[in-house]
């Protein structure tokens, strides 16, 4: 599951939209890095 989540978080970076995954506004990468994201997520899996 972690591999899948990392893949999804890195898609905007790979496409060149942002420099870091946490900069993508609607990404849960913010939540996983300890920041507050724009969308509520469930991290228990």
PDB file of N, CA and C in Angstrom:
ATOM      1  N   UNK A   1       0.820  -1.187   0.000  1.00  0.00           N
ATOM      2  CA  UNK A   1       0.000   0.000   0.000  1.00  0.00           C
ATOM      3  C   UNK A   1       0.869   1.258   0.000  1.00  0.00           C
ATOM      4  N   UNK A   2       1.959   1.241   0.765  1.00  0.00           N
ATOM      5  CA  UNK A   2       2.845   2.404   0.810  1.00  0.00           C
ATOM      6  C   UNK A   2       3.420   2.711  -0.570  1.00  0.00           C
ATOM      7  N   UNK A   3       3.752   1.698  -1.331  1.00  0.00           N
ATOM      8  CA  UNK A   3       4.285   1.897  -2.677  1.00  0.00           C
ATOM      9  C   UNK A   3       3.247   2.599  -3.554  1.00  0.00           C
ATOM     10  N   UNK A   4       1.994   2.176  -3.451  1.00  0.00           N
ATOM     11  CA  UNK A   4       0.917   2.794  -4.237  1.00  0.00           C
ATOM     12  C   UNK A   4       0.699   4.249  -3.842  1.00  0.00           C
ATOM     13  N   UNK A   5       0.692   4.524  -2.543  1.00  0.00           N
ATOM     14  CA  UNK A   5       0.497   5.892  -2.056  1.00  0.00           C
ATOM     15  C   UNK A   5       1.656   6.779  -2.516  1.00  0.00           C
ATOM     16  N   UNK A   6       2.882   6.287  -2.406  1.00  0.00           N
ATOM     17  CA  UNK A   6       4.048   7.057  -2.863  1.00  0.00           C
ATOM     18  C   UNK A   6       3.970   7.339  -4.362  1.00  0.00           C
ATOM     19  N   UNK A   7       3.541   6.369  -5.129  1.00  0.00           N
ATOM     20  CA  UNK A   7       3.383   6.543  -6.576  1.00  0.00           C
ATOM     21  C   UNK A   7       2.385   7.660  -6.883  1.00  0.00           C
ATOM     22  N   UNK A   8       1.245   7.627  -6.201  1.00  0.00           N
ATOM     23  CA  UNK A   8       0.209   8.638  -6.419  1.00  0.00           C
ATOM     24  C   UNK A   8       0.704  10.022  -5.998  1.00  0.00           C
ATOM     25  N   UNK A   9       1.401  10.091  -4.868  1.00  0.00           N
ATOM     26  CA  UNK A   9       1.921  11.380  -4.396  1.00  0.00           C
ATOM     27  C   UNK A   9       2.943  11.961  -5.372  1.00  0.00           C
ATOM     28  N   UNK A  10       3.710  11.139  -6.026  1.00  0.00           N
ATOM     29  CA  UNK A  10       4.771  11.621  -6.904  1.00  0.00           C
ATOM     30  C   UNK A  10       4.319  11.901  -8.340  1.00  0.00           C
ATOM     31  N   UNK A  11       3.082  11.586  -8.693  1.00  0.00           N
ATOM     32  CA  UNK A  11       2.597  11.856 -10.046  1.00  0.00           C
ATOM     33  C   UNK A  11       2.694  13.331 -10.447  1.00  0.00           C
ATOM     34  N   UNK A  12       2.246  14.277  -9.623  1.00  0.00           N
ATOM     35  CA  UNK A  12       2.364  15.691 -10.029  1.00  0.00           C
ATOM     36  C   UNK A  12       3.820  16.146 -10.167  1.00  0.00           C
ATOM     37  N   UNK A  13       4.702  15.557  -9.383  1.00  0.00           N
ATOM     38  CA  UNK A  13       6.131  15.886  -9.468  1.00  0.00           C
ATOM     39  C   UNK A  13       6.694  15.348 -10.779  1.00  0.00           C
ATOM     40  N   UNK A  14       6.359  14.116 -11.093  1.00  0.00           N
ATOM     41  CA  UNK A  14       6.849  13.484 -12.317  1.00  0.00           C
ATOM     42  C   UNK A  14       6.385  14.238 -13.563  1.00  0.00           C
ATOM     43  N   UNK A  15       5.162  14.756 -13.533  1.00  0.00           N
ATOM     44  CA  UNK A  15       4.617  15.498 -14.677  1.00  0.00           C
ATOM     45  C   UNK A  15       5.149  16.930 -14.744  1.00  0.00           C
ATOM     46  N   UNK A  16       5.850  17.372 -13.711  1.00  0.00           N
ATOM     47  CA  UNK A  16       6.433  18.707 -13.712  1.00  0.00           C
ATOM     48  C   UNK A  16       5.497  19.804 -13.238  1.00  0.00           C
ATOM     49  N   UNK A  17       4.388  19.434 -12.626  1.00  0.00           N
ATOM     50  CA  UNK A  17       3.444  20.436 -12.134  1.00  0.00           C
ATOM     51  C   UNK A  17       3.944  21.147 -10.881  1.00  0.00           C
ATOM     52  N   UNK A  18       4.672  20.414 -10.025  1.00  0.00           N
ATOM     53  CA  UNK A  18       5.223  20.959  -8.782  1.00  0.00           C
ATOM     54  C   UNK A  18       6.619  20.390  -8.574  1.00  0.00           C
ATOM     55  N   UNK A  19       7.380  21.025  -7.695  1.00  0.00           N
ATOM     56  CA  UNK A  19       8.726  20.539  -7.386  1.00  0.00           C
ATOM     57  C   UNK A  19       8.720  19.455  -6.311  1.00  0.00           C
ATOM     58  N   UNK A  20       7.758  19.525  -5.405  1.00  0.00           N
ATOM     59  CA  UNK A  20       7.636  18.543  -4.323  1.00  0.00           C
ATOM     60  C   UNK A  20       6.175  18.133  -4.191  1.00  0.00           C
ATOM     61  N   UNK A  21       5.952  16.894  -3.793  1.00  0.00           N
ATOM     62  CA  UNK A  21       4.590  16.362  -3.693  1.00  0.00           C
ATOM     63  C   UNK A  21       3.732  17.167  -2.724  1.00  0.00           C
ATOM     64  N   UNK A  22       4.323  17.707  -1.681  1.00  0.00           N
ATOM     65  CA  UNK A  22       3.533  18.465  -0.698  1.00  0.00           C
ATOM     66  C   UNK A  22       3.038  19.794  -1.246  1.00  0.00           C
ATOM     67  N   UNK A  23       3.562  20.239  -2.374  1.00  0.00           N
ATOM     68  CA  UNK A  23       3.121  21.491  -2.983  1.00  0.00           C
ATOM     69  C   UNK A  23       1.839  21.330  -3.792  1.00  0.00           C
ATOM     70  N   UNK A  24       1.460  20.097  -4.102  1.00  0.00           N
ATOM     71  CA  UNK A  24       0.226  19.853  -4.848  1.00  0.00           C
ATOM     72  C   UNK A  24      -0.931  20.005  -3.868  1.00  0.00           C
ATOM     73  N   UNK A  25      -1.793  20.986  -4.103  1.00  0.00           N
ATOM     74  CA  UNK A  25      -2.830  21.379  -3.151  1.00  0.00           C
ATOM     75  C   UNK A  25      -3.750  20.277  -2.669  1.00  0.00           C
ATOM     76  N   UNK A  26      -4.188  19.423  -3.559  1.00  0.00           N
ATOM     77  CA  UNK A  26      -5.165  18.407  -3.178  1.00  0.00           C
ATOM     78  C   UNK A  26      -4.545  17.035  -2.948  1.00  0.00           C
ATOM     79  N   UNK A  27      -3.261  17.012  -2.687  1.00  0.00           N
ATOM     80  CA  UNK A  27      -2.575  15.753  -2.420  1.00  0.00           C
ATOM     81  C   UNK A  27      -2.600  15.430  -0.938  1.00  0.00           C
ATOM     82  N   UNK A  28      -2.704  14.167  -0.612  1.00  0.00           N
ATOM     83  CA  UNK A  28      -2.617  13.751   0.784  1.00  0.00           C
ATOM     84  C   UNK A  28      -1.163  13.713   1.260  1.00  0.00           C
ATOM     85  N   UNK A  29      -0.226  14.026   0.373  1.00  0.00           N
ATOM     86  CA  UNK A  29       1.192  14.061   0.764  1.00  0.00           C
ATOM     87  C   UNK A  29       1.411  15.050   1.896  1.00  0.00           C
ATOM     88  N   UNK A  30       0.641  16.128   1.898  1.00  0.00           N
ATOM     89  CA  UNK A  30       0.738  17.106   2.984  1.00  0.00           C
ATOM     90  C   UNK A  30       0.418  16.445   4.322  1.00  0.00           C
ATOM     91  N   UNK A  31      -0.653  15.676   4.366  1.00  0.00           N
ATOM     92  CA  UNK A  31      -1.055  15.008   5.606  1.00  0.00           C
ATOM     93  C   UNK A  31      -0.007  13.993   6.061  1.00  0.00           C
ATOM     94  N   UNK A  32       0.556  13.263   5.127  1.00  0.00           N
ATOM     95  CA  UNK A  32       1.552  12.253   5.459  1.00  0.00           C
ATOM     96  C   UNK A  32       2.870  12.870   5.922  1.00  0.00           C
ATOM     97  N   UNK A  33       3.104  14.150   5.580  1.00  0.00           N
ATOM     98  CA  UNK A  33       4.336  14.816   6.012  1.00  0.00           C
ATOM     99  C   UNK A  33       4.140  15.610   7.299  1.00  0.00           C
ATOM    100  N   UNK A  34       2.940  15.544   7.879  1.00  0.00           N
ATOM    101  CA  UNK A  34       2.680  16.229   9.142  1.00  0.00           C
ATOM    102  C   UNK A  34       2.037  17.594   8.991  1.00  0.00           C
ATOM    103  N   UNK A  35       1.789  18.014   7.765  1.00  0.00           N
ATOM    104  CA  UNK A  35       1.124  19.293   7.514  1.00  0.00           C
ATOM    105  C   UNK A  35      -0.383  19.063   7.435  1.00  0.00           C
ATOM    106  N   UNK A  36      -1.131  20.146   7.389  1.00  0.00           N
ATOM    107  CA  UNK A  36      -2.580  20.050   7.238  1.00  0.00           C
ATOM    108  C   UNK A  36      -2.918  20.158   5.756  1.00  0.00           C
ATOM    109  N   UNK A  37      -3.622  19.169   5.249  1.00  0.00           N
ATOM    110  CA  UNK A  37      -4.013  19.174   3.847  1.00  0.00           C
ATOM    111  C   UNK A  37      -5.350  19.850   3.635  1.00  0.00           C
ATOM    112  N   UNK A  38      -5.719  20.039   2.385  1.00  0.00           N
ATOM    113  CA  UNK A  38      -6.984  20.692   2.048  1.00  0.00           C
ATOM    114  C   UNK A  38      -8.171  19.738   2.109  1.00  0.00           C
ATOM    115  N   UNK A  39      -7.902  18.449   2.023  1.00  0.00           N
ATOM    116  CA  UNK A  39      -8.948  17.437   1.994  1.00  0.00           C
ATOM    117  C   UNK A  39      -8.746  16.489   3.168  1.00  0.00           C
ATOM    118  N   UNK A  40      -9.833  16.146   3.865  1.00  0.00           N
ATOM    119  CA  UNK A  40      -9.740  15.173   4.956  1.00  0.00           C
ATOM    120  C   UNK A  40      -9.438  13.796   4.391  1.00  0.00           C
ATOM    121  N   UNK A  41      -8.490  13.096   5.021  1.00  0.00           N
ATOM    122  CA  UNK A  41      -8.138  11.752   4.559  1.00  0.00           C
ATOM    123  C   UNK A  41      -8.151  10.777   5.729  1.00  0.00           C
ATOM    124  N   UNK A  42      -8.161   9.507   5.402  1.00  0.00           N
ATOM    125  CA  UNK A  42      -8.058   8.427   6.376  1.00  0.00           C
ATOM    126  C   UNK A  42      -6.709   7.765   6.175  1.00  0.00           C
ATOM    127  N   UNK A  43      -5.824   7.839   7.166  1.00  0.00           N
ATOM    128  CA  UNK A  43      -4.479   7.281   7.025  1.00  0.00           C
ATOM    129  C   UNK A  43      -4.319   5.889   7.640  1.00  0.00           C
ATOM    130  N   UNK A  44      -5.354   5.373   8.244  1.00  0.00           N
ATOM    131  CA  UNK A  44      -5.255   4.051   8.866  1.00  0.00           C
ATOM    132  C   UNK A  44      -5.589   2.961   7.850  1.00  0.00           C
ATOM    133  N   UNK A  45      -4.564   2.265   7.376  1.00  0.00           N
ATOM    134  CA  UNK A  45      -4.768   1.175   6.436  1.00  0.00           C
ATOM    135  C   UNK A  45      -3.860   0.056   6.738  1.00  0.00           C
TER     136      UNK A  45
END
